[in-house]
Amino acid sequence: MNETYRNIAVVIEIGNSIKYLRNGLAEIQKISAANDFYDPLLMYLSSGFERIFKSMLCLNFKQKTGRLPNYKELMQGNNGHDIEYLKNQIEKICIPVDRPFASMDYDIITKDEIINSICKTLSEYGRRARYFNLDAILGTEQEFEAQKEWERIETHVLKDFFGERNFFKMLSNPKKIEKLYLKSNELLVSKLELFLRAITRQFIFGNFSSESNAYLFEIEAFSDIEDSQIGKTDYRQFQNHEKIKRL
């Protein structure tokens, strides 16, 4: 395949990954007591993570070898939808950023419990759980239900925020249910924004690729988030072609 086209495809893929991730955050914000349709957020986030991680790994491979990899070289026998594997590989090419405003980036990339749980859920969704109900119809036993795993993550962040006792007290009050959904959505979007900001800032301040700063326009939706803006953006109000305007 023409190498010029392959390099152009990297630009397109990074831009598309950001659009998938933006849509994933919007779908989180749509979850409510009346809307338990989790498939869109799982589909968008798993695809967005897979695409941004693979793009970074391709650029790193090119940095080392002078060319883009083929599929076997990229995945080394692993499942192409294995987000956990891809994140593990990404951790190896990311570095701590020696800037006061980004001092916590490396920790959230490598150590954050909630991010790791999200990546595990997305990984299992991409590898085997996206057709959970269809598998049941066809009589195929499937043990991993991605929606339940995501709901466990929601419960975890709410217990951590409110305290376990207050959480169960609120959960037993029908008038408080919507508040719980809104808060879990806010907490998860905030956590993902911090992670995605850290990942995209590697394009600017990292060393995985000497070409990475050529993609600043594609990544600015997350790389440019300020601390005061975390958790404050309603992603549902923006179309894919629109630049995100933050408060």
Protein backbone atom coordinates (compact mmCIF):
# COMPACT_ATOMS: atom_id res chain seq x y z
CA MET A 1 0.00 0.00 0.00
CA ASN A 2 1.15 3.55 -0.74
CA GLU A 3 3.12 4.88 2.27
CA THR A 4 1.80 8.40 1.81
CA TYR A 5 -1.74 7.10 2.16
CA ARG A 6 -0.78 5.05 5.22
CA ASN A 7 0.56 8.17 6.92
CA ILE A 8 -2.56 10.13 6.04
CA ALA A 9 -4.61 7.28 7.51
CA VAL A 10 -2.85 7.80 10.86
CA VAL A 11 -4.15 11.39 10.96
CA ILE A 12 -7.66 10.23 10.12
CA GLU A 13 -7.56 7.41 12.67
CA ILE A 14 -6.42 9.65 15.53
CA GLY A 15 -9.13 12.16 14.66
CA ASN A 16 -11.73 9.41 14.52
CA SER A 17 -10.60 7.98 17.85
CA ILE A 18 -11.24 11.33 19.52
CA LYS A 19 -14.72 11.48 17.98
CA TYR A 20 -15.51 8.00 19.27
CA LEU A 21 -14.33 8.98 22.74
CA ARG A 22 -16.32 12.21 22.72
CA ASN A 23 -19.42 10.23 21.78
CA GLY A 24 -18.64 7.72 24.52
CA LEU A 25 -18.63 10.47 27.14
CA ALA A 26 -21.89 11.82 25.74
CA GLU A 27 -23.46 8.37 26.05
CA ILE A 28 -22.37 8.14 29.69
CA GLN A 29 -24.17 11.41 30.29
CA LYS A 30 -27.35 9.97 28.78
CA ILE A 31 -27.58 7.13 31.32
CA SER A 32 -30.44 7.66 33.78
CA ALA A 33 -33.11 5.80 35.68
CA ALA A 34 -35.18 5.86 32.50
CA ASN A 35 -32.33 4.98 30.13
CA ASP A 36 -30.23 1.90 30.88
CA PHE A 37 -29.02 1.42 27.29
CA TYR A 38 -25.29 0.96 27.97
CA ASP A 39 -24.28 -0.52 24.62
CA PRO A 40 -23.56 2.82 22.90
CA LEU A 41 -21.14 4.00 25.59
CA LEU A 42 -19.40 0.61 25.59
CA MET A 43 -19.16 0.56 21.79
CA TYR A 44 -17.88 4.12 21.48
CA LEU A 45 -15.38 3.93 24.32
CA SER A 46 -14.00 0.51 23.40
CA SER A 47 -13.53 1.60 19.78
CA GLY A 48 -12.05 4.96 20.78
CA PHE A 49 -9.57 3.44 23.22
CA GLU A 50 -8.56 0.74 20.75
CA ARG A 51 -7.99 3.26 17.97
CA ILE A 52 -6.00 5.82 19.99
CA PHE A 53 -3.86 3.13 21.61
CA LYS A 54 -3.12 1.38 18.32
CA SER A 55 -2.31 4.69 16.63
CA MET A 56 0.20 5.53 19.36
CA LEU A 57 1.78 2.08 19.09
CA CYS A 58 2.03 2.43 15.32
CA LEU A 59 3.78 5.78 15.69
CA ASN A 60 6.15 4.30 18.26
CA PHE A 61 6.93 1.38 15.94
CA LYS A 62 7.69 3.88 13.18
CA GLN A 63 9.94 5.81 15.57
CA LYS A 64 11.97 2.66 16.18
CA THR A 65 12.01 1.17 12.69
CA GLY A 66 11.37 4.01 10.28
CA ARG A 67 8.14 2.47 8.99
CA LEU A 68 4.60 1.69 10.07
CA PRO A 69 3.91 -1.88 11.26
CA ASN A 70 1.69 -4.55 9.79
CA TYR A 71 -1.04 -6.16 11.87
CA LYS A 72 1.05 -9.07 13.15
CA GLU A 73 3.86 -6.77 14.18
CA LEU A 74 1.45 -4.51 16.03
CA MET A 75 -0.54 -7.13 17.93
CA GLN A 76 2.11 -9.87 18.33
CA GLY A 77 -0.49 -12.62 18.41
CA ASN A 78 -2.88 -10.88 20.80
CA ASN A 79 -6.55 -10.22 20.21
CA GLY A 80 -7.04 -6.95 18.35
CA HIS A 81 -9.85 -5.86 20.66
CA ASP A 82 -7.92 -6.52 23.88
CA ILE A 83 -7.95 -3.05 25.46
CA GLU A 84 -6.10 -4.28 28.54
CA TYR A 85 -3.23 -5.58 26.41
CA LEU A 86 -3.11 -2.36 24.40
CA LYS A 87 -3.12 -0.21 27.55
CA ASN A 88 -0.30 -2.31 28.98
CA GLN A 89 1.72 -1.66 25.83
CA ILE A 90 0.90 2.06 25.98
CA GLU A 91 2.13 2.27 29.57
CA LYS A 92 5.54 1.10 28.34
CA ILE A 93 5.91 4.00 25.91
CA CYS A 94 4.54 6.77 28.13
CA ILE A 95 6.77 8.80 30.42
CA PRO A 96 6.21 11.04 33.47
CA VAL A 97 5.80 14.62 32.27
CA ASP A 98 8.20 17.00 33.98
CA ARG A 99 5.73 19.87 34.16
CA PRO A 100 3.91 20.97 37.36
CA PHE A 101 0.51 20.98 35.62
CA ALA A 102 0.99 17.41 34.36
CA SER A 103 2.77 15.84 37.32
CA MET A 104 -0.06 13.38 38.00
CA ASP A 105 -0.54 12.28 34.39
CA TYR A 106 1.68 9.21 34.57
CA ASP A 107 -0.04 7.89 37.69
CA ILE A 108 -3.50 8.05 36.14
CA ILE A 109 -2.20 6.32 33.00
CA THR A 110 -0.51 3.50 34.90
CA LYS A 111 -2.06 3.14 38.36
CA ASP A 112 -5.64 4.37 38.50
CA GLU A 113 -8.02 1.68 39.77
CA ILE A 114 -11.14 3.03 38.08
CA ILE A 115 -9.41 3.45 34.71
CA ASN A 116 -8.08 -0.10 34.94
CA SER A 117 -11.58 -1.40 35.73
CA ILE A 118 -13.01 0.52 32.79
CA CYS A 119 -10.32 -0.86 30.47
CA LYS A 120 -11.00 -4.40 31.66
CA THR A 121 -14.73 -3.97 31.02
CA LEU A 122 -14.15 -2.46 27.58
CA SER A 123 -11.65 -5.18 26.79
CA GLU A 124 -14.07 -7.97 27.63
CA TYR A 125 -16.84 -6.16 25.78
CA GLY A 126 -14.72 -5.90 22.65
CA ARG A 127 -13.40 -9.46 22.84
CA ARG A 128 -16.51 -11.44 23.75
CA ALA A 129 -19.36 -9.59 25.48
CA ARG A 130 -20.74 -7.30 22.79
CA TYR A 131 -23.16 -10.03 21.67
CA PHE A 132 -24.12 -11.17 25.18
CA ASN A 133 -27.85 -11.40 24.49
CA LEU A 134 -27.43 -12.77 20.98
CA ASP A 135 -25.18 -15.47 22.42
CA ALA A 136 -27.93 -16.31 24.91
CA ILE A 137 -30.45 -16.58 22.07
CA LEU A 138 -28.12 -18.93 20.22
CA GLY A 139 -27.47 -21.03 23.31
CA THR A 140 -23.85 -19.95 23.71
CA GLU A 141 -22.90 -19.63 27.36
CA GLN A 142 -21.45 -16.23 28.16
CA GLU A 143 -20.26 -15.39 31.67
CA PHE A 144 -19.22 -11.76 31.25
CA GLU A 145 -22.02 -9.19 31.04
CA ALA A 146 -20.46 -5.82 30.29
CA GLN A 147 -23.46 -3.77 31.45
CA LYS A 148 -23.35 -5.32 34.91
CA GLU A 149 -19.62 -4.70 35.11
CA TRP A 150 -20.15 -1.04 34.18
CA GLU A 151 -22.88 -0.77 36.80
CA ARG A 152 -20.43 -2.16 39.38
CA ILE A 153 -18.02 0.63 38.45
CA GLU A 154 -20.83 3.17 38.89
CA THR A 155 -21.59 1.74 42.33
CA HIS A 156 -17.92 1.82 43.30
CA VAL A 157 -17.44 5.51 42.48
CA LEU A 158 -20.69 6.44 44.22
CA LYS A 159 -19.77 4.56 47.39
CA ASP A 160 -16.39 6.24 47.34
CA PHE A 161 -17.96 9.68 46.87
CA PHE A 162 -20.92 9.49 49.26
CA GLY A 163 -19.69 6.82 51.65
CA GLU A 164 -21.23 3.35 51.67
CA ARG A 165 -23.86 4.12 54.31
CA ASN A 166 -25.12 7.29 52.65
CA PHE A 167 -25.06 5.61 49.25
CA PHE A 168 -27.41 2.82 50.34
CA LYS A 169 -29.61 5.36 52.11
CA MET A 170 -29.95 7.36 48.91
CA LEU A 171 -30.45 4.20 46.86
CA SER A 172 -33.47 3.28 48.98
CA ASN A 173 -35.09 6.65 48.32
CA PRO A 174 -36.79 6.81 44.88
CA LYS A 175 -36.45 10.59 44.88
CA LYS A 176 -32.66 10.30 45.08
CA ILE A 177 -32.13 7.79 42.28
CA GLU A 178 -31.76 10.36 39.53
CA LYS A 179 -29.24 12.26 41.63
CA LEU A 180 -27.17 9.08 41.92
CA TYR A 181 -27.15 8.60 38.17
CA LEU A 182 -26.14 12.21 37.55
CA LYS A 183 -23.32 11.98 40.07
CA SER A 184 -21.97 8.66 38.77
CA ASN A 185 -22.04 10.06 35.23
CA GLU A 186 -20.15 13.15 36.37
CA LEU A 187 -17.56 11.14 38.31
CA LEU A 188 -16.89 8.72 35.44
CA VAL A 189 -16.71 11.44 32.80
CA SER A 190 -14.31 13.39 35.02
CA LYS A 191 -12.09 10.35 35.51
CA LEU A 192 -12.05 9.61 31.78
CA GLU A 193 -11.29 13.24 30.96
CA LEU A 194 -8.27 13.13 33.27
CA PHE A 195 -7.07 9.90 31.68
CA LEU A 196 -7.62 11.07 28.11
CA ARG A 197 -5.95 14.39 28.86
CA ALA A 198 -2.95 12.51 30.24
CA ILE A 199 -2.80 10.22 27.18
CA THR A 200 -3.11 13.05 24.66
CA ARG A 201 -0.56 15.20 26.51
CA GLN A 202 1.93 12.42 25.75
CA PHE A 203 1.63 13.55 22.12
CA ILE A 204 2.93 16.96 23.22
CA PHE A 205 5.33 16.23 26.07
CA GLY A 206 6.10 12.52 25.67
CA ASN A 207 8.81 10.82 23.65
CA PHE A 208 7.04 7.85 22.07
CA SER A 209 7.23 9.48 18.63
CA SER A 210 9.09 12.43 17.19
CA GLU A 211 6.08 12.97 14.90
CA SER A 212 3.42 12.98 17.63
CA ASN A 213 3.21 16.77 17.93
CA ALA A 214 2.02 16.88 14.32
CA TYR A 215 -1.38 15.68 15.58
CA LEU A 216 -2.12 18.54 17.99
CA PHE A 217 -5.22 19.60 16.10
CA GLU A 218 -6.68 16.08 16.28
CA ILE A 219 -6.15 15.68 20.04
CA GLU A 220 -6.94 19.17 21.35
CA ALA A 221 -10.43 18.18 22.48
CA PHE A 222 -8.79 16.42 25.43
CA SER A 223 -5.21 17.68 25.61
CA ASP A 224 -6.37 21.27 26.24
CA ILE A 225 -8.78 20.62 29.14
CA GLU A 226 -7.98 22.82 32.14
CA ASP A 227 -8.30 21.54 35.70
CA SER A 228 -11.25 23.86 36.38
CA GLN A 229 -13.11 22.38 33.37
CA ILE A 230 -12.93 18.72 34.40
CA GLY A 231 -16.42 17.26 34.68
CA LYS A 232 -18.12 20.46 33.53
CA THR A 233 -18.69 19.76 29.81
CA ASP A 234 -21.98 18.44 28.43
CA TYR A 235 -20.75 16.36 25.50
CA ARG A 236 -24.32 15.69 24.38
CA GLN A 237 -24.68 19.19 22.95
CA PHE A 238 -21.83 18.93 20.42
CA GLN A 239 -21.88 17.38 16.98
CA ASN A 240 -18.83 15.45 15.80
CA HIS A 241 -17.68 18.27 13.53
CA GLU A 242 -17.98 20.93 16.23
CA LYS A 243 -15.12 22.09 18.40
CA ILE A 244 -15.93 21.52 22.07
CA LYS A 245 -16.51 24.81 23.86
CA ARG A 246 -15.73 24.46 27.55
CA LEU A 247 -16.87 26.68 30.40
